[in-house]
Amino acid sequence: MASKFFFTLCLLWCLLLATAMASSDDGSFATRLNPKVLKLKKEKLTRFHLYWHDVVGGSNPTSVPVLPRLDNVTLFGLINMFDNPLTVGADPKSRLVGRSQGLYASTAQHEIGLLMAMNFAFTYGKYKGSSITILGRNPIVNHVREMPVVGGTGRFRFARGHALAKTQYFNATTLDAIVEYDIYVLHYY
């Protein structure tokens, strides 16, 4: 009796395995999964309110040009790499909660507009070790700019959402800026 039960159990297991393999999208490298397999909990919405400090001038810049701009009014062609502090207040001495690492490139010929590709890497609190990825167009002369959140790591796996940016300070001589970010992120965790 026990051997019949064991045989039936093995047969069911083989059928389940065969069914799982047959349900793959292309039969070789992609398989559809139930989100519960990855232990994804209910999706939640989190809002972050942060300040991004872009220091281009001075002796300790956090943003440096890697490709100079063409000689034009829109800065077309400029590419900067940055590792900017993220703080809870506009004052650079307020609590540091992370770093924004990435690049911005001036991609518009007829207006001042940047392509932003950056990770907000958190170094403080329950989000320490997690990051949010923002990738999108930033027409910096607009009062409020919206960019998409396209992913994340750690507590932000499968993240999506949007970020609103508002320039709080800009120095036309040094090109230093402080930008306020309101970020709305849908994520599991």
N, C-alpha and C. Protein backbone atom coordinates (compact mmCIF):
# COMPACT_ATOMS: atom_id res chain seq x y z
N MET A 1 0.81 -1.19 0.00
CA MET A 1 0.00 0.00 0.00
C MET A 1 0.87 1.26 0.00
N ALA A 2 1.92 1.23 0.84
CA ALA A 2 2.82 2.39 0.92
C ALA A 2 3.55 2.60 -0.40
N SER A 3 3.93 1.50 -1.08
CA SER A 3 4.64 1.64 -2.35
C SER A 3 3.72 2.21 -3.43
N LYS A 4 2.41 1.85 -3.40
CA LYS A 4 1.46 2.42 -4.36
C LYS A 4 1.31 3.93 -4.13
N PHE A 5 1.23 4.30 -2.87
CA PHE A 5 1.11 5.72 -2.52
C PHE A 5 2.36 6.47 -3.00
N PHE A 6 3.55 5.93 -2.75
CA PHE A 6 4.80 6.55 -3.15
C PHE A 6 4.87 6.66 -4.67
N PHE A 7 4.47 5.62 -5.38
CA PHE A 7 4.48 5.62 -6.84
C PHE A 7 3.52 6.71 -7.37
N THR A 8 2.32 6.80 -6.80
CA THR A 8 1.34 7.82 -7.20
C THR A 8 1.89 9.22 -6.94
N LEU A 9 2.52 9.40 -5.79
CA LEU A 9 3.10 10.68 -5.45
C LEU A 9 4.21 11.06 -6.44
N CYS A 10 5.06 10.11 -6.78
CA CYS A 10 6.13 10.36 -7.76
C CYS A 10 5.55 10.69 -9.14
N LEU A 11 4.50 10.00 -9.52
CA LEU A 11 3.86 10.26 -10.81
C LEU A 11 3.27 11.67 -10.84
N LEU A 12 2.60 12.07 -9.76
CA LEU A 12 2.05 13.43 -9.69
C LEU A 12 3.16 14.48 -9.74
N TRP A 13 4.24 14.22 -9.05
CA TRP A 13 5.37 15.15 -9.06
C TRP A 13 5.94 15.31 -10.47
N CYS A 14 6.09 14.21 -11.19
CA CYS A 14 6.59 14.25 -12.57
C CYS A 14 5.64 15.01 -13.47
N LEU A 15 4.34 14.81 -13.29
CA LEU A 15 3.35 15.54 -14.09
C LEU A 15 3.40 17.04 -13.82
N LEU A 16 3.53 17.41 -12.54
CA LEU A 16 3.64 18.82 -12.19
C LEU A 16 4.90 19.44 -12.79
N LEU A 17 6.02 18.73 -12.73
CA LEU A 17 7.27 19.21 -13.29
C LEU A 17 7.16 19.36 -14.81
N ALA A 18 6.57 18.40 -15.46
CA ALA A 18 6.39 18.45 -16.92
C ALA A 18 5.47 19.61 -17.30
N THR A 19 4.42 19.83 -16.53
CA THR A 19 3.49 20.93 -16.79
C THR A 19 4.20 22.26 -16.63
N ALA A 20 5.00 22.40 -15.59
CA ALA A 20 5.74 23.64 -15.36
C ALA A 20 6.70 23.91 -16.51
N MET A 21 7.38 22.86 -16.98
CA MET A 21 8.33 23.04 -18.09
C MET A 21 7.59 23.36 -19.38
N ALA A 22 6.44 22.78 -19.59
CA ALA A 22 5.67 23.03 -20.81
C ALA A 22 5.06 24.41 -20.82
N SER A 23 4.88 25.01 -19.64
CA SER A 23 4.25 26.33 -19.59
C SER A 23 5.23 27.46 -19.79
N SER A 24 6.51 27.14 -20.01
CA SER A 24 7.46 28.22 -20.24
C SER A 24 7.11 28.91 -21.55
N ASP A 25 7.40 30.22 -21.59
CA ASP A 25 6.98 31.05 -22.72
C ASP A 25 7.54 30.58 -24.05
N ASP A 26 8.81 30.23 -24.09
CA ASP A 26 9.41 29.82 -25.36
C ASP A 26 10.02 28.43 -25.29
N GLY A 27 9.81 27.72 -24.20
CA GLY A 27 10.28 26.35 -24.08
C GLY A 27 11.74 26.21 -23.70
N SER A 28 12.47 27.32 -23.54
CA SER A 28 13.88 27.13 -23.25
C SER A 28 14.41 27.97 -22.09
N PHE A 29 14.06 29.24 -22.00
CA PHE A 29 14.72 30.05 -20.98
C PHE A 29 13.79 30.96 -20.19
N ALA A 30 12.51 31.01 -20.49
CA ALA A 30 11.59 31.88 -19.76
C ALA A 30 10.42 31.08 -19.22
N THR A 31 10.12 31.30 -17.95
CA THR A 31 9.02 30.59 -17.31
C THR A 31 8.13 31.60 -16.61
N ARG A 32 6.85 31.46 -16.77
CA ARG A 32 5.91 32.31 -16.05
C ARG A 32 5.87 31.88 -14.59
N LEU A 33 5.85 32.87 -13.71
CA LEU A 33 5.85 32.58 -12.28
C LEU A 33 4.69 33.30 -11.60
N ASN A 34 4.21 32.71 -10.56
CA ASN A 34 3.27 33.37 -9.67
C ASN A 34 4.11 34.26 -8.76
N PRO A 35 3.72 35.53 -8.54
CA PRO A 35 4.51 36.43 -7.68
C PRO A 35 4.76 35.86 -6.27
N LYS A 36 3.91 34.97 -5.82
CA LYS A 36 4.09 34.38 -4.49
C LYS A 36 5.34 33.51 -4.42
N VAL A 37 5.80 33.00 -5.58
CA VAL A 37 7.02 32.19 -5.61
C VAL A 37 8.21 33.02 -5.13
N LEU A 38 8.22 34.31 -5.47
CA LEU A 38 9.29 35.20 -5.05
C LEU A 38 9.00 35.87 -3.70
N LYS A 39 7.95 35.41 -3.05
CA LYS A 39 7.53 35.93 -1.74
C LYS A 39 7.23 37.42 -1.79
N LEU A 40 6.65 37.87 -2.92
CA LEU A 40 6.26 39.26 -3.04
C LEU A 40 4.99 39.49 -2.23
N LYS A 41 5.06 40.47 -1.36
CA LYS A 41 3.91 40.79 -0.54
C LYS A 41 3.03 41.78 -1.29
N LYS A 42 2.05 42.29 -0.62
CA LYS A 42 1.14 43.26 -1.23
C LYS A 42 1.92 44.51 -1.66
N GLU A 43 1.57 45.01 -2.82
CA GLU A 43 2.23 46.21 -3.33
C GLU A 43 1.83 47.42 -2.50
N LYS A 44 2.81 48.30 -2.24
CA LYS A 44 2.51 49.51 -1.47
C LYS A 44 3.10 50.73 -2.15
N LEU A 45 2.59 51.88 -1.77
CA LEU A 45 3.03 53.16 -2.32
C LEU A 45 3.79 53.92 -1.24
N THR A 46 5.02 54.36 -1.57
CA THR A 46 5.85 55.12 -0.64
C THR A 46 6.22 56.44 -1.28
N ARG A 47 6.17 57.51 -0.47
CA ARG A 47 6.57 58.84 -0.94
C ARG A 47 7.87 59.23 -0.25
N PHE A 48 8.81 59.75 -1.05
CA PHE A 48 10.06 60.28 -0.53
C PHE A 48 10.12 61.76 -0.83
N HIS A 49 10.58 62.54 0.12
CA HIS A 49 10.81 63.97 -0.08
C HIS A 49 12.27 64.23 0.26
N LEU A 50 13.08 64.52 -0.77
CA LEU A 50 14.53 64.62 -0.63
C LEU A 50 15.07 65.84 -1.36
N TYR A 51 16.30 66.19 -1.03
CA TYR A 51 17.00 67.28 -1.72
C TYR A 51 18.29 66.74 -2.32
N TRP A 52 18.48 67.07 -3.59
CA TRP A 52 19.59 66.60 -4.42
C TRP A 52 20.55 67.77 -4.58
N HIS A 53 21.81 67.61 -4.15
CA HIS A 53 22.79 68.69 -4.15
C HIS A 53 23.83 68.44 -5.23
N ASP A 54 23.74 69.22 -6.31
CA ASP A 54 24.66 69.10 -7.44
C ASP A 54 25.73 70.18 -7.32
N VAL A 55 26.94 69.80 -6.93
CA VAL A 55 28.03 70.75 -6.74
C VAL A 55 29.00 70.59 -7.91
N VAL A 56 28.98 71.58 -8.81
CA VAL A 56 29.82 71.55 -10.01
C VAL A 56 31.09 72.38 -9.81
N GLY A 57 30.98 73.48 -9.08
CA GLY A 57 32.12 74.37 -8.86
C GLY A 57 32.84 74.06 -7.57
N GLY A 58 33.93 74.81 -7.34
CA GLY A 58 34.68 74.69 -6.09
C GLY A 58 35.72 73.59 -6.12
N SER A 59 36.30 73.35 -4.95
CA SER A 59 37.42 72.40 -4.86
C SER A 59 36.97 70.96 -4.63
N ASN A 60 35.70 70.74 -4.29
CA ASN A 60 35.22 69.39 -4.02
C ASN A 60 33.90 69.13 -4.76
N PRO A 61 33.94 69.11 -6.10
CA PRO A 61 32.69 68.93 -6.85
C PRO A 61 32.13 67.52 -6.70
N THR A 62 30.80 67.42 -6.75
CA THR A 62 30.14 66.11 -6.75
C THR A 62 29.65 65.76 -8.15
N SER A 63 29.80 66.71 -9.08
CA SER A 63 29.36 66.52 -10.46
C SER A 63 30.44 67.08 -11.38
N VAL A 64 30.92 66.25 -12.31
CA VAL A 64 32.00 66.70 -13.19
C VAL A 64 31.64 66.44 -14.66
N PRO A 65 32.01 67.38 -15.54
CA PRO A 65 31.76 67.16 -16.95
C PRO A 65 32.73 66.11 -17.51
N VAL A 66 32.19 65.18 -18.27
CA VAL A 66 33.05 64.19 -18.94
C VAL A 66 33.08 64.44 -20.44
N LEU A 67 32.16 65.25 -20.91
CA LEU A 67 32.15 65.67 -22.30
C LEU A 67 31.66 67.11 -22.32
N PRO A 68 32.49 68.03 -22.78
CA PRO A 68 32.08 69.44 -22.76
C PRO A 68 30.96 69.72 -23.75
N ARG A 69 30.24 70.78 -23.48
CA ARG A 69 29.12 71.16 -24.36
C ARG A 69 29.66 71.79 -25.64
N LEU A 70 28.80 71.79 -26.66
CA LEU A 70 29.10 72.55 -27.86
C LEU A 70 28.92 74.02 -27.52
N ASP A 71 29.39 74.89 -28.34
CA ASP A 71 29.28 76.32 -28.07
C ASP A 71 27.89 76.80 -28.47
N ASN A 72 26.90 76.56 -27.59
CA ASN A 72 25.53 76.97 -27.88
C ASN A 72 24.81 77.31 -26.58
N VAL A 73 23.64 77.92 -26.69
CA VAL A 73 22.93 78.39 -25.50
C VAL A 73 22.20 77.27 -24.77
N THR A 74 21.96 76.13 -25.40
CA THR A 74 21.22 75.05 -24.75
C THR A 74 22.13 74.04 -24.05
N LEU A 75 23.44 74.24 -24.10
CA LEU A 75 24.43 73.33 -23.52
C LEU A 75 24.43 71.97 -24.21
N PHE A 76 23.86 71.89 -25.41
CA PHE A 76 23.75 70.62 -26.15
C PHE A 76 25.08 69.91 -26.22
N GLY A 77 25.09 68.64 -25.84
CA GLY A 77 26.30 67.82 -25.90
C GLY A 77 26.99 67.64 -24.56
N LEU A 78 26.66 68.46 -23.58
CA LEU A 78 27.28 68.35 -22.26
C LEU A 78 26.88 67.04 -21.59
N ILE A 79 27.84 66.34 -20.99
CA ILE A 79 27.55 65.15 -20.19
C ILE A 79 28.30 65.28 -18.87
N ASN A 80 27.57 65.16 -17.77
CA ASN A 80 28.16 65.20 -16.43
C ASN A 80 27.89 63.88 -15.72
N MET A 81 28.90 63.39 -15.02
CA MET A 81 28.76 62.24 -14.11
C MET A 81 28.66 62.83 -12.72
N PHE A 82 27.83 62.22 -11.86
CA PHE A 82 27.69 62.78 -10.53
C PHE A 82 27.54 61.71 -9.46
N ASP A 83 27.89 62.11 -8.26
CA ASP A 83 27.69 61.34 -7.04
C ASP A 83 27.25 62.37 -6.00
N ASN A 84 25.98 62.73 -6.06
CA ASN A 84 25.45 63.85 -5.28
C ASN A 84 24.82 63.40 -3.97
N PRO A 85 24.98 64.20 -2.92
CA PRO A 85 24.31 63.90 -1.66
C PRO A 85 22.80 64.06 -1.78
N LEU A 86 22.07 63.19 -1.06
CA LEU A 86 20.62 63.29 -0.90
C LEU A 86 20.36 63.57 0.58
N THR A 87 19.68 64.67 0.86
CA THR A 87 19.43 65.05 2.24
C THR A 87 17.94 65.25 2.49
N VAL A 88 17.58 65.32 3.78
CA VAL A 88 16.17 65.52 4.15
C VAL A 88 15.75 66.98 4.07
N GLY A 89 16.70 67.90 4.01
CA GLY A 89 16.39 69.33 3.93
C GLY A 89 17.21 69.99 2.84
N ALA A 90 16.84 71.23 2.52
CA ALA A 90 17.56 71.97 1.48
C ALA A 90 18.96 72.38 1.93
N ASP A 91 19.17 72.49 3.23
CA ASP A 91 20.48 72.82 3.76
C ASP A 91 21.41 71.63 3.54
N PRO A 92 22.56 71.85 2.88
CA PRO A 92 23.49 70.73 2.63
C PRO A 92 23.96 70.03 3.91
N LYS A 93 23.82 70.70 5.06
CA LYS A 93 24.24 70.10 6.33
C LYS A 93 23.12 69.30 6.99
N SER A 94 21.94 69.23 6.37
CA SER A 94 20.85 68.43 6.94
C SER A 94 21.19 66.94 6.79
N ARG A 95 20.41 66.09 7.42
CA ARG A 95 20.71 64.65 7.49
C ARG A 95 20.90 64.06 6.09
N LEU A 96 22.04 63.42 5.90
CA LEU A 96 22.36 62.70 4.66
C LEU A 96 21.66 61.34 4.71
N VAL A 97 20.82 61.05 3.71
CA VAL A 97 20.10 59.77 3.69
C VAL A 97 20.50 58.88 2.51
N GLY A 98 21.33 59.42 1.62
CA GLY A 98 21.75 58.62 0.47
C GLY A 98 22.59 59.41 -0.49
N ARG A 99 22.86 58.78 -1.63
CA ARG A 99 23.63 59.39 -2.70
C ARG A 99 22.86 59.18 -4.00
N SER A 100 22.89 60.18 -4.85
CA SER A 100 22.33 60.04 -6.19
C SER A 100 23.52 59.90 -7.13
N GLN A 101 23.59 58.75 -7.79
CA GLN A 101 24.73 58.47 -8.65
C GLN A 101 24.24 58.22 -10.07
N GLY A 102 24.89 58.88 -11.02
CA GLY A 102 24.48 58.69 -12.41
C GLY A 102 25.07 59.73 -13.32
N LEU A 103 24.27 60.09 -14.33
CA LEU A 103 24.73 61.09 -15.29
C LEU A 103 23.54 61.90 -15.79
N TYR A 104 23.86 63.11 -16.22
CA TYR A 104 22.89 63.89 -16.98
C TYR A 104 23.57 64.40 -18.24
N ALA A 105 22.80 64.41 -19.31
CA ALA A 105 23.32 64.83 -20.60
C ALA A 105 22.35 65.83 -21.22
N SER A 106 22.90 66.89 -21.76
CA SER A 106 22.07 67.89 -22.43
C SER A 106 21.77 67.37 -23.84
N THR A 107 20.51 66.98 -24.04
CA THR A 107 20.13 66.30 -25.28
C THR A 107 19.23 67.13 -26.19
N ALA A 108 18.88 68.34 -25.78
CA ALA A 108 17.97 69.16 -26.58
C ALA A 108 18.75 70.26 -27.30
N GLN A 109 18.44 70.46 -28.57
CA GLN A 109 19.12 71.49 -29.36
C GLN A 109 18.41 72.84 -29.31
N HIS A 110 17.10 72.83 -29.01
CA HIS A 110 16.33 74.07 -29.10
C HIS A 110 15.79 74.55 -27.76
N GLU A 111 16.15 73.87 -26.68
CA GLU A 111 15.78 74.27 -25.33
C GLU A 111 16.80 73.65 -24.38
N ILE A 112 16.76 74.03 -23.13
CA ILE A 112 17.66 73.40 -22.17
C ILE A 112 16.91 72.21 -21.58
N GLY A 113 17.34 71.02 -21.95
CA GLY A 113 16.70 69.79 -21.49
C GLY A 113 17.73 68.69 -21.30
N LEU A 114 17.60 67.99 -20.20
CA LEU A 114 18.57 66.96 -19.86
C LEU A 114 17.94 65.57 -19.92
N LEU A 115 18.77 64.60 -20.23
CA LEU A 115 18.43 63.20 -20.02
C LEU A 115 19.05 62.84 -18.68
N MET A 116 18.23 62.37 -17.73
CA MET A 116 18.71 61.98 -16.41
C MET A 116 18.71 60.46 -16.33
N ALA A 117 19.81 59.89 -15.90
CA ALA A 117 19.92 58.45 -15.63
C ALA A 117 20.60 58.34 -14.27
N MET A 118 19.81 58.00 -13.24
CA MET A 118 20.39 58.03 -11.90
C MET A 118 19.75 57.01 -10.96
N ASN A 119 20.56 56.62 -10.00
CA ASN A 119 20.11 55.76 -8.91
C ASN A 119 20.13 56.57 -7.63
N PHE A 120 19.04 56.54 -6.89
CA PHE A 120 19.01 57.11 -5.55
C PHE A 120 19.35 55.95 -4.61
N ALA A 121 20.58 55.89 -4.16
CA ALA A 121 21.08 54.81 -3.31
C ALA A 121 20.98 55.25 -1.85
N PHE A 122 20.13 54.58 -1.08
CA PHE A 122 19.88 54.98 0.30
C PHE A 122 20.93 54.40 1.24
N THR A 123 21.38 55.23 2.19
CA THR A 123 22.42 54.84 3.14
C THR A 123 21.96 54.98 4.58
N TYR A 124 20.69 55.26 4.78
CA TYR A 124 20.19 55.53 6.13
C TYR A 124 18.81 54.90 6.32
N GLY A 125 18.55 54.45 7.54
CA GLY A 125 17.22 53.97 7.91
C GLY A 125 16.86 52.63 7.31
N LYS A 126 15.56 52.34 7.28
CA LYS A 126 15.12 51.02 6.82
C LYS A 126 15.34 50.79 5.33
N TYR A 127 15.63 51.84 4.57
CA TYR A 127 15.88 51.69 3.14
C TYR A 127 17.37 51.60 2.82
N LYS A 128 18.21 51.59 3.85
CA LYS A 128 19.67 51.48 3.66
C LYS A 128 19.99 50.24 2.83
N GLY A 129 20.80 50.44 1.78
CA GLY A 129 21.18 49.33 0.91
C GLY A 129 20.24 49.14 -0.28
N SER A 130 19.14 49.87 -0.32
CA SER A 130 18.19 49.80 -1.44
C SER A 130 18.37 51.01 -2.34
N SER A 131 17.89 50.90 -3.57
CA SER A 131 18.00 52.04 -4.49
C SER A 131 16.77 52.14 -5.38
N ILE A 132 16.55 53.35 -5.87
CA ILE A 132 15.48 53.65 -6.82
C ILE A 132 16.15 54.18 -8.09
N THR A 133 15.72 53.69 -9.24
CA THR A 133 16.29 54.12 -10.51
C THR A 133 15.33 55.05 -11.23
N ILE A 134 15.85 56.22 -11.61
CA ILE A 134 15.07 57.23 -12.35
C ILE A 134 15.75 57.43 -13.69
N LEU A 135 14.95 57.40 -14.74
CA LEU A 135 15.48 57.57 -16.09
C LEU A 135 14.47 58.37 -16.89
N GLY A 136 14.86 59.55 -17.37
CA GLY A 136 13.90 60.32 -18.16
C GLY A 136 14.38 61.71 -18.51
N ARG A 137 13.48 62.42 -19.15
CA ARG A 137 13.72 63.78 -19.64
C ARG A 137 13.49 64.78 -18.54
N ASN A 138 14.39 65.77 -18.44
CA ASN A 138 14.30 66.80 -17.42
C ASN A 138 14.48 68.17 -18.07
N PRO A 139 13.36 68.80 -18.48
CA PRO A 139 13.45 70.15 -19.05
C PRO A 139 13.63 71.17 -17.92
N ILE A 140 14.87 71.47 -17.56
CA ILE A 140 15.17 72.15 -16.31
C ILE A 140 14.63 73.58 -16.18
N VAL A 141 14.19 74.20 -17.27
CA VAL A 141 13.62 75.54 -17.13
C VAL A 141 12.17 75.49 -16.64
N ASN A 142 11.53 74.34 -16.71
CA ASN A 142 10.17 74.20 -16.18
C ASN A 142 10.21 74.23 -14.66
N HIS A 143 9.18 74.83 -14.05
CA HIS A 143 9.13 74.91 -12.59
C HIS A 143 9.11 73.52 -11.96
N VAL A 144 8.25 72.64 -12.48
CA VAL A 144 8.16 71.26 -11.99
C VAL A 144 8.41 70.33 -13.16
N ARG A 145 9.30 69.36 -12.96
CA ARG A 145 9.58 68.36 -13.99
C ARG A 145 9.20 66.98 -13.47
N GLU A 146 8.67 66.15 -14.35
CA GLU A 146 8.28 64.79 -13.97
C GLU A 146 9.14 63.79 -14.73
N MET A 147 9.66 62.82 -13.98
CA MET A 147 10.49 61.76 -14.58
C MET A 147 10.01 60.41 -14.05
N PRO A 148 10.13 59.37 -14.84
CA PRO A 148 9.66 58.06 -14.38
C PRO A 148 10.66 57.34 -13.47
N VAL A 149 10.11 56.63 -12.50
CA VAL A 149 10.88 55.65 -11.73
C VAL A 149 10.74 54.35 -12.49
N VAL A 150 11.85 53.78 -12.92
CA VAL A 150 11.80 52.60 -13.79
C VAL A 150 12.22 51.30 -13.11
N GLY A 151 12.62 51.38 -11.86
CA GLY A 151 13.01 50.15 -11.16
C GLY A 151 13.69 50.46 -9.86
N GLY A 152 14.28 49.41 -9.29
CA GLY A 152 14.99 49.58 -8.04
C GLY A 152 15.59 48.27 -7.56
N THR A 153 16.26 48.35 -6.42
CA THR A 153 16.88 47.17 -5.82
C THR A 153 16.49 47.10 -4.35
N GLY A 154 16.77 45.95 -3.73
CA GLY A 154 16.47 45.78 -2.31
C GLY A 154 14.99 45.91 -2.04
N ARG A 155 14.61 46.84 -1.20
CA ARG A 155 13.19 47.04 -0.86
C ARG A 155 12.38 47.58 -2.05
N PHE A 156 13.06 47.92 -3.14
CA PHE A 156 12.38 48.49 -4.30
C PHE A 156 12.45 47.59 -5.53
N ARG A 157 12.58 46.27 -5.32
CA ARG A 157 12.51 45.36 -6.47
C ARG A 157 11.13 45.52 -7.12
N PHE A 158 11.10 45.50 -8.42
CA PHE A 158 9.87 45.65 -9.21
C PHE A 158 9.24 47.04 -9.03
N ALA A 159 10.03 48.03 -8.65
CA ALA A 159 9.50 49.37 -8.41
C ALA A 159 9.09 50.06 -9.71
N ARG A 160 8.10 50.93 -9.56
CA ARG A 160 7.70 51.83 -10.64
C ARG A 160 7.05 53.04 -10.00
N GLY A 161 7.04 54.15 -10.72
CA GLY A 161 6.44 55.35 -10.16
C GLY A 161 6.89 56.58 -10.91
N HIS A 162 6.88 57.71 -10.21
CA HIS A 162 7.34 58.94 -10.84
C HIS A 162 7.98 59.86 -9.81
N ALA A 163 8.84 60.74 -10.32
CA ALA A 163 9.54 61.71 -9.48
C ALA A 163 9.22 63.11 -10.00
N LEU A 164 8.95 64.01 -9.08
CA LEU A 164 8.74 65.41 -9.41
C LEU A 164 9.94 66.20 -8.90
N ALA A 165 10.55 66.99 -9.77
CA ALA A 165 11.74 67.76 -9.42
C ALA A 165 11.44 69.25 -9.51
N LYS A 166 11.90 70.01 -8.50
CA LYS A 166 11.76 71.47 -8.48
C LYS A 166 13.09 72.07 -8.05
N THR A 167 13.64 72.94 -8.85
CA THR A 167 14.90 73.59 -8.50
C THR A 167 14.66 74.58 -7.38
N GLN A 168 15.40 74.42 -6.27
CA GLN A 168 15.28 75.33 -5.13
C GLN A 168 16.37 76.39 -5.14
N TYR A 169 17.51 76.05 -5.74
CA TYR A 169 18.65 76.98 -5.78
C TYR A 169 19.46 76.68 -7.03
N PHE A 170 19.92 77.75 -7.70
CA PHE A 170 20.80 77.58 -8.85
C PHE A 170 21.76 78.75 -8.89
N ASN A 171 23.05 78.47 -9.04
CA ASN A 171 24.07 79.50 -9.15
C ASN A 171 24.56 79.49 -10.60
N ALA A 172 24.26 80.55 -11.34
CA ALA A 172 24.60 80.62 -12.77
C ALA A 172 26.11 80.68 -13.01
N THR A 173 26.88 81.09 -12.03
CA THR A 173 28.34 81.17 -12.18
C THR A 173 28.98 79.80 -11.99
N THR A 174 28.66 79.13 -10.88
CA THR A 174 29.29 77.83 -10.57
C THR A 174 28.51 76.66 -11.15
N LEU A 175 27.25 76.88 -11.51
CA LEU A 175 26.29 75.86 -11.98
C LEU A 175 25.86 74.90 -10.88
N ASP A 176 26.14 75.24 -9.62
CA ASP A 176 25.67 74.45 -8.49
C ASP A 176 24.14 74.57 -8.39
N ALA A 177 23.50 73.48 -7.95
CA ALA A 177 22.04 73.49 -7.84
C ALA A 177 21.60 72.62 -6.67
N ILE A 178 20.46 73.00 -6.10
CA ILE A 178 19.77 72.17 -5.12
C ILE A 178 18.38 71.92 -5.69
N VAL A 179 18.04 70.65 -5.85
CA VAL A 179 16.76 70.28 -6.45
C VAL A 179 15.95 69.48 -5.44
N GLU A 180 14.71 69.89 -5.25
CA GLU A 180 13.79 69.18 -4.36
C GLU A 180 13.12 68.06 -5.16
N TYR A 181 13.12 66.85 -4.61
CA TYR A 181 12.49 65.70 -5.27
C TYR A 181 11.36 65.15 -4.42
N ASP A 182 10.20 65.00 -5.02
CA ASP A 182 9.09 64.24 -4.46
C ASP A 182 8.96 63.00 -5.31
N ILE A 183 9.18 61.84 -4.71
CA ILE A 183 9.20 60.59 -5.46
C ILE A 183 8.10 59.69 -4.92
N TYR A 184 7.29 59.17 -5.83
CA TYR A 184 6.19 58.26 -5.48
C TYR A 184 6.51 56.91 -6.10
N VAL A 185 6.68 55.89 -5.25
CA VAL A 185 7.16 54.59 -5.70
C VAL A 185 6.19 53.49 -5.29
N LEU A 186 5.72 52.72 -6.28
CA LEU A 186 4.97 51.48 -6.02
C LEU A 186 5.98 50.36 -5.97
N HIS A 187 5.93 49.57 -4.89
CA HIS A 187 6.91 48.48 -4.74
C HIS A 187 6.35 47.42 -3.82
N TYR A 188 6.98 46.26 -3.87
CA TYR A 188 6.64 45.16 -2.98
C TYR A 188 7.69 45.12 -1.88
N TYR A 189 7.33 44.79 -0.69
CA TYR A 189 8.26 44.48 0.39
C TYR A 189 7.54 44.63 1.69
